[in-house]
Amino acid sequence: MDPTTVSGFEEALAEARASLAEGGAPFGAALVREADGAVLATGRNRHYQDHDITAHAEIVTLRSAGMLPLAELAGTTMVTSAVPCFLCAGVIVHVGIPRVVVGMAGTEGMRVPSHDFLLSRGVEVVDLDCGEVMEFMAQFVAAHPDDWLEDLGSAVEGIDVLSVLDEGASS
């Protein structure tokens, strides 16, 4: 699937770029209504900028969307720069968002366990395998390796994340 044709993906990437430029983690998201492709809200990771452990891109996006009824959320897709972490995956499952489109779900040697969690709860996960997102991740990991490990914890322990991301970006 061509990332440029996915409603909300350019907005999610713009949010990821903005977060990276602010010194934050390069995660961005957009909530898209399936019926017409309208972008209902966007957000970026503000964990480090705001010193708020819950200010992840998907949660910031849902906060921006306001109090949408669960029935309306059931007709949306969360579009993100990368596969949501367990915190965000739990919120997605909790509010009933049925589909997540990600710029990067992982690369060979690294698969974020929350991806399997989403699938096990019936959430469709579509991986766009976007090289630009892999470049964002490599930049962030190189500049902030401790922050990366703090965010993902044991999901990436023992994995040379930079070489995995470099490998994915070149394929």
C-alpha atoms as a PDB file:
ATOM      1  CA  MET A   1       0.000   0.000   0.000  1.00  0.00           C
ATOM      2  CA  ASP A   2       1.343   3.411  -0.958  1.00  0.00           C
ATOM      3  CA  PRO A   3       1.603   5.538   2.223  1.00  0.00           C
ATOM      4  CA  THR A   4       0.769   8.715   0.306  1.00  0.00           C
ATOM      5  CA  THR A   5      -2.696   7.343  -0.492  1.00  0.00           C
ATOM      6  CA  VAL A   6      -3.623   6.575   3.124  1.00  0.00           C
ATOM      7  CA  SER A   7      -5.877   9.206   4.644  1.00  0.00           C
ATOM      8  CA  GLY A   8      -4.229  10.694   7.716  1.00  0.00           C
ATOM      9  CA  PHE A   9      -0.745   9.295   7.110  1.00  0.00           C
ATOM     10  CA  GLU A  10       0.804  12.572   5.938  1.00  0.00           C
ATOM     11  CA  GLU A  11      -0.694  14.264   8.999  1.00  0.00           C
ATOM     12  CA  ALA A  12       0.734  11.568  11.291  1.00  0.00           C
ATOM     13  CA  LEU A  13       4.157  11.978   9.661  1.00  0.00           C
ATOM     14  CA  ALA A  14       3.996  15.762  10.067  1.00  0.00           C
ATOM     15  CA  GLU A  15       3.270  15.274  13.774  1.00  0.00           C
ATOM     16  CA  ALA A  16       6.187  12.805  14.088  1.00  0.00           C
ATOM     17  CA  ARG A  17       8.519  15.284  12.375  1.00  0.00           C
ATOM     18  CA  ALA A  18       7.350  18.065  14.707  1.00  0.00           C
ATOM     19  CA  SER A  19       7.944  15.937  17.797  1.00  0.00           C
ATOM     20  CA  LEU A  20      11.435  15.000  16.617  1.00  0.00           C
ATOM     21  CA  ALA A  21      12.215  18.677  15.918  1.00  0.00           C
ATOM     22  CA  GLU A  22      11.130  19.522  19.480  1.00  0.00           C
ATOM     23  CA  GLY A  23      13.492  16.910  20.921  1.00  0.00           C
ATOM     24  CA  GLY A  24      10.728  14.376  21.446  1.00  0.00           C
ATOM     25  CA  ALA A  25      10.136  10.852  20.260  1.00  0.00           C
ATOM     26  CA  PRO A  26       9.195  10.752  16.557  1.00  0.00           C
ATOM     27  CA  PHE A  27       5.680   9.424  16.937  1.00  0.00           C
ATOM     28  CA  GLY A  28       2.652  11.029  15.343  1.00  0.00           C
ATOM     29  CA  ALA A  29      -0.937   9.926  14.900  1.00  0.00           C
ATOM     30  CA  ALA A  30      -4.194  10.820  13.202  1.00  0.00           C
ATOM     31  CA  LEU A  31      -7.704   9.586  13.899  1.00  0.00           C
ATOM     32  CA  VAL A  32      -9.549   9.047  10.625  1.00  0.00           C
ATOM     33  CA  ARG A  33     -13.262   8.463  10.060  1.00  0.00           C
ATOM     34  CA  GLU A  34     -13.569   5.467   7.735  1.00  0.00           C
ATOM     35  CA  ALA A  35     -16.826   6.551   6.101  1.00  0.00           C
ATOM     36  CA  ASP A  36     -15.325   9.573   4.367  1.00  0.00           C
ATOM     37  CA  GLY A  37     -11.600   9.592   5.202  1.00  0.00           C
ATOM     38  CA  ALA A  38     -11.923  12.772   7.257  1.00  0.00           C
ATOM     39  CA  VAL A  39      -9.117  13.397   9.730  1.00  0.00           C
ATOM     40  CA  LEU A  40     -10.889  13.984  13.053  1.00  0.00           C
ATOM     41  CA  ALA A  41      -7.800  14.783  15.136  1.00  0.00           C
ATOM     42  CA  THR A  42      -4.018  14.588  15.135  1.00  0.00           C
ATOM     43  CA  GLY A  43      -1.352  14.504  17.796  1.00  0.00           C
ATOM     44  CA  ARG A  44       2.280  13.833  18.468  1.00  0.00           C
ATOM     45  CA  ASN A  45       4.252  12.267  21.251  1.00  0.00           C
ATOM     46  CA  ARG A  46       4.799  14.904  23.939  1.00  0.00           C
ATOM     47  CA  HIS A  47       6.213  12.572  26.594  1.00  0.00           C
ATOM     48  CA  TYR A  48       9.576  14.320  26.854  1.00  0.00           C
ATOM     49  CA  GLN A  49       8.484  17.844  25.969  1.00  0.00           C
ATOM     50  CA  ASP A  50       5.758  17.909  28.634  1.00  0.00           C
ATOM     51  CA  HIS A  51       7.380  15.482  31.102  1.00  0.00           C
ATOM     52  CA  ASP A  52       4.171  13.442  30.900  1.00  0.00           C
ATOM     53  CA  ILE A  53       4.570   9.676  30.718  1.00  0.00           C
ATOM     54  CA  THR A  54       1.069   9.317  29.204  1.00  0.00           C
ATOM     55  CA  ALA A  55       1.450  11.928  26.439  1.00  0.00           C
ATOM     56  CA  HIS A  56       1.943   9.426  23.628  1.00  0.00           C
ATOM     57  CA  ALA A  57       0.827  10.330  20.101  1.00  0.00           C
ATOM     58  CA  GLU A  58      -2.277   8.125  20.059  1.00  0.00           C
ATOM     59  CA  ILE A  59      -3.464   9.352  23.450  1.00  0.00           C
ATOM     60  CA  VAL A  60      -2.794  13.002  22.569  1.00  0.00           C
ATOM     61  CA  THR A  61      -4.791  12.424  19.368  1.00  0.00           C
ATOM     62  CA  LEU A  62      -7.736  10.934  21.250  1.00  0.00           C
ATOM     63  CA  ARG A  63      -7.623  13.827  23.720  1.00  0.00           C
ATOM     64  CA  SER A  64      -7.726  16.235  20.768  1.00  0.00           C
ATOM     65  CA  ALA A  65     -10.726  14.410  19.304  1.00  0.00           C
ATOM     66  CA  GLY A  66     -12.705  15.051  22.472  1.00  0.00           C
ATOM     67  CA  MET A  67     -15.545  12.923  23.772  1.00  0.00           C
ATOM     68  CA  LEU A  68     -16.500  10.937  20.704  1.00  0.00           C
ATOM     69  CA  PRO A  69     -19.120   8.265  21.377  1.00  0.00           C
ATOM     70  CA  LEU A  70     -17.772   4.708  21.315  1.00  0.00           C
ATOM     71  CA  ALA A  71     -20.099   3.965  18.396  1.00  0.00           C
ATOM     72  CA  GLU A  72     -18.343   6.686  16.401  1.00  0.00           C
ATOM     73  CA  LEU A  73     -14.875   5.448  17.392  1.00  0.00           C
ATOM     74  CA  ALA A  74     -15.868   2.017  16.081  1.00  0.00           C
ATOM     75  CA  GLY A  75     -15.931   3.601  12.615  1.00  0.00           C
ATOM     76  CA  THR A  76     -12.430   5.049  12.787  1.00  0.00           C
ATOM     77  CA  THR A  77      -8.850   4.091  12.052  1.00  0.00           C
ATOM     78  CA  MET A  78      -5.872   5.187  14.118  1.00  0.00           C
ATOM     79  CA  VAL A  79      -3.053   6.059  11.730  1.00  0.00           C
ATOM     80  CA  THR A  80       0.357   6.175  13.396  1.00  0.00           C
ATOM     81  CA  SER A  81       3.970   6.590  12.447  1.00  0.00           C
ATOM     82  CA  ALA A  82       4.870   3.324  14.218  1.00  0.00           C
ATOM     83  CA  VAL A  83       3.086   0.464  15.945  1.00  0.00           C
ATOM     84  CA  PRO A  84       1.511   1.699  19.186  1.00  0.00           C
ATOM     85  CA  CYS A  85       3.120   0.742  22.486  1.00  0.00           C
ATOM     86  CA  PHE A  86       1.165  -1.323  25.036  1.00  0.00           C
ATOM     87  CA  LEU A  87      -0.219   1.829  26.696  1.00  0.00           C
ATOM     88  CA  CYS A  88      -1.670   3.113  23.434  1.00  0.00           C
ATOM     89  CA  ALA A  89      -2.669  -0.326  22.175  1.00  0.00           C
ATOM     90  CA  GLY A  90      -4.648  -0.810  25.386  1.00  0.00           C
ATOM     91  CA  VAL A  91      -6.486   2.464  24.848  1.00  0.00           C
ATOM     92  CA  ILE A  92      -7.205   1.567  21.212  1.00  0.00           C
ATOM     93  CA  VAL A  93      -8.670  -1.778  22.284  1.00  0.00           C
ATOM     94  CA  HIS A  94     -10.534  -0.199  25.203  1.00  0.00           C
ATOM     95  CA  VAL A  95     -12.366   2.380  23.054  1.00  0.00           C
ATOM     96  CA  GLY A  96     -13.025  -0.069  20.213  1.00  0.00           C
ATOM     97  CA  ILE A  97     -10.980   1.341  17.351  1.00  0.00           C
ATOM     98  CA  PRO A  98     -10.990  -1.599  14.917  1.00  0.00           C
ATOM     99  CA  ARG A  99      -8.048  -0.728  12.658  1.00  0.00           C
ATOM    100  CA  VAL A 100      -4.560   0.694  13.055  1.00  0.00           C
ATOM    101  CA  VAL A 101      -2.421   1.727  10.088  1.00  0.00           C
ATOM    102  CA  VAL A 102       1.253   2.091  10.958  1.00  0.00           C
ATOM    103  CA  GLY A 103       4.208   3.513   9.084  1.00  0.00           C
ATOM    104  CA  MET A 104       6.420   0.885  10.674  1.00  0.00           C
ATOM    105  CA  ALA A 105       5.366  -2.229  12.577  1.00  0.00           C
ATOM    106  CA  GLY A 106       8.926  -3.433  13.030  1.00  0.00           C
ATOM    107  CA  THR A 107      11.771  -4.788  10.996  1.00  0.00           C
ATOM    108  CA  GLU A 108      13.495  -8.129  10.900  1.00  0.00           C
ATOM    109  CA  GLY A 109      14.811  -8.867  14.360  1.00  0.00           C
ATOM    110  CA  MET A 110      12.524  -6.369  16.082  1.00  0.00           C
ATOM    111  CA  ARG A 111       8.798  -6.705  16.465  1.00  0.00           C
ATOM    112  CA  VAL A 112       7.059  -4.662  19.104  1.00  0.00           C
ATOM    113  CA  PRO A 113       5.012  -7.105  21.233  1.00  0.00           C
ATOM    114  CA  SER A 114       2.035  -4.729  21.324  1.00  0.00           C
ATOM    115  CA  HIS A 115       1.543  -5.512  17.620  1.00  0.00           C
ATOM    116  CA  ASP A 116       0.600  -9.076  18.560  1.00  0.00           C
ATOM    117  CA  PHE A 117      -1.542  -7.762  21.425  1.00  0.00           C
ATOM    118  CA  LEU A 118      -3.602  -5.668  18.977  1.00  0.00           C
ATOM    119  CA  LEU A 119      -4.029  -8.620  16.619  1.00  0.00           C
ATOM    120  CA  SER A 120      -5.050 -10.905  19.485  1.00  0.00           C
ATOM    121  CA  ARG A 121      -7.824  -8.452  20.391  1.00  0.00           C
ATOM    122  CA  GLY A 122      -9.212  -8.376  16.852  1.00  0.00           C
ATOM    123  CA  VAL A 123      -7.666  -5.079  15.774  1.00  0.00           C
ATOM    124  CA  GLU A 124      -6.531  -5.066  12.152  1.00  0.00           C
ATOM    125  CA  VAL A 125      -2.946  -3.786  11.833  1.00  0.00           C
ATOM    126  CA  VAL A 126      -1.779  -2.558   8.436  1.00  0.00           C
ATOM    127  CA  ASP A 127       1.979  -1.979   8.047  1.00  0.00           C
ATOM    128  CA  LEU A 128       2.974   0.574   5.415  1.00  0.00           C
ATOM    129  CA  ASP A 129       6.690  -0.279   5.866  1.00  0.00           C
ATOM    130  CA  CYS A 130       7.674   3.372   5.378  1.00  0.00           C
ATOM    131  CA  GLY A 131      11.405   4.020   5.088  1.00  0.00           C
ATOM    132  CA  GLU A 132      11.032   7.617   6.284  1.00  0.00           C
ATOM    133  CA  VAL A 133       9.648   6.392   9.613  1.00  0.00           C
ATOM    134  CA  MET A 134      12.610   4.029   9.983  1.00  0.00           C
ATOM    135  CA  GLU A 135      14.912   7.023   9.432  1.00  0.00           C
ATOM    136  CA  PHE A 136      13.064   8.988  12.173  1.00  0.00           C
ATOM    137  CA  MET A 137      13.479   6.081  14.554  1.00  0.00           C
ATOM    138  CA  ALA A 138      17.187   5.696  13.765  1.00  0.00           C
ATOM    139  CA  GLN A 139      17.760   9.426  14.397  1.00  0.00           C
ATOM    140  CA  PHE A 140      15.930   9.296  17.706  1.00  0.00           C
ATOM    141  CA  VAL A 141      17.594   6.096  18.909  1.00  0.00           C
ATOM    142  CA  ALA A 142      21.049   7.456  18.020  1.00  0.00           C
ATOM    143  CA  ALA A 143      20.418  10.725  19.858  1.00  0.00           C
ATOM    144  CA  HIS A 144      18.443   9.320  22.817  1.00  0.00           C
ATOM    145  CA  PRO A 145      19.163   5.602  23.344  1.00  0.00           C
ATOM    146  CA  ASP A 146      18.191   5.677  27.031  1.00  0.00           C
ATOM    147  CA  ASP A 147      14.863   7.354  26.249  1.00  0.00           C
ATOM    148  CA  TRP A 148      14.159   4.742  23.582  1.00  0.00           C
ATOM    149  CA  LEU A 149      14.807   1.895  26.002  1.00  0.00           C
ATOM    150  CA  GLU A 150      12.690   3.614  28.665  1.00  0.00           C
ATOM    151  CA  ASP A 151       9.745   3.850  26.272  1.00  0.00           C
ATOM    152  CA  LEU A 152       9.953   0.298  24.973  1.00  0.00           C
ATOM    153  CA  GLY A 153      11.645  -1.467  27.881  1.00  0.00           C
ATOM    154  CA  SER A 154      12.213  -5.177  27.400  1.00  0.00           C
ATOM    155  CA  ALA A 155      10.687  -5.107  23.925  1.00  0.00           C
ATOM    156  CA  VAL A 156      14.097  -4.192  22.518  1.00  0.00           C
ATOM    157  CA  GLU A 157      16.592  -5.389  25.136  1.00  0.00           C
ATOM    158  CA  GLY A 158      19.490  -7.221  23.565  1.00  0.00           C
ATOM    159  CA  ILE A 159      18.692  -5.962  20.068  1.00  0.00           C
ATOM    160  CA  ASP A 160      21.007  -3.584  18.230  1.00  0.00           C
ATOM    161  CA  VAL A 161      18.169  -1.247  17.294  1.00  0.00           C
ATOM    162  CA  LEU A 162      20.254   1.071  15.112  1.00  0.00           C
ATOM    163  CA  SER A 163      21.478  -1.739  12.866  1.00  0.00           C
ATOM    164  CA  VAL A 164      17.959  -3.159  12.589  1.00  0.00           C
ATOM    165  CA  LEU A 165      16.558   0.247  11.610  1.00  0.00           C
ATOM    166  CA  ASP A 166      19.423   0.883   9.181  1.00  0.00           C
ATOM    167  CA  GLU A 167      18.737  -2.511   7.578  1.00  0.00           C
ATOM    168  CA  GLY A 168      15.027  -1.730   7.243  1.00  0.00           C
ATOM    169  CA  ALA A 169      15.598   1.747   5.823  1.00  0.00           C
ATOM    170  CA  SER A 170      17.845   0.385   3.076  1.00  0.00           C
ATOM    171  CA  SER A 171      15.454  -2.342   1.948  1.00  0.00           C
END
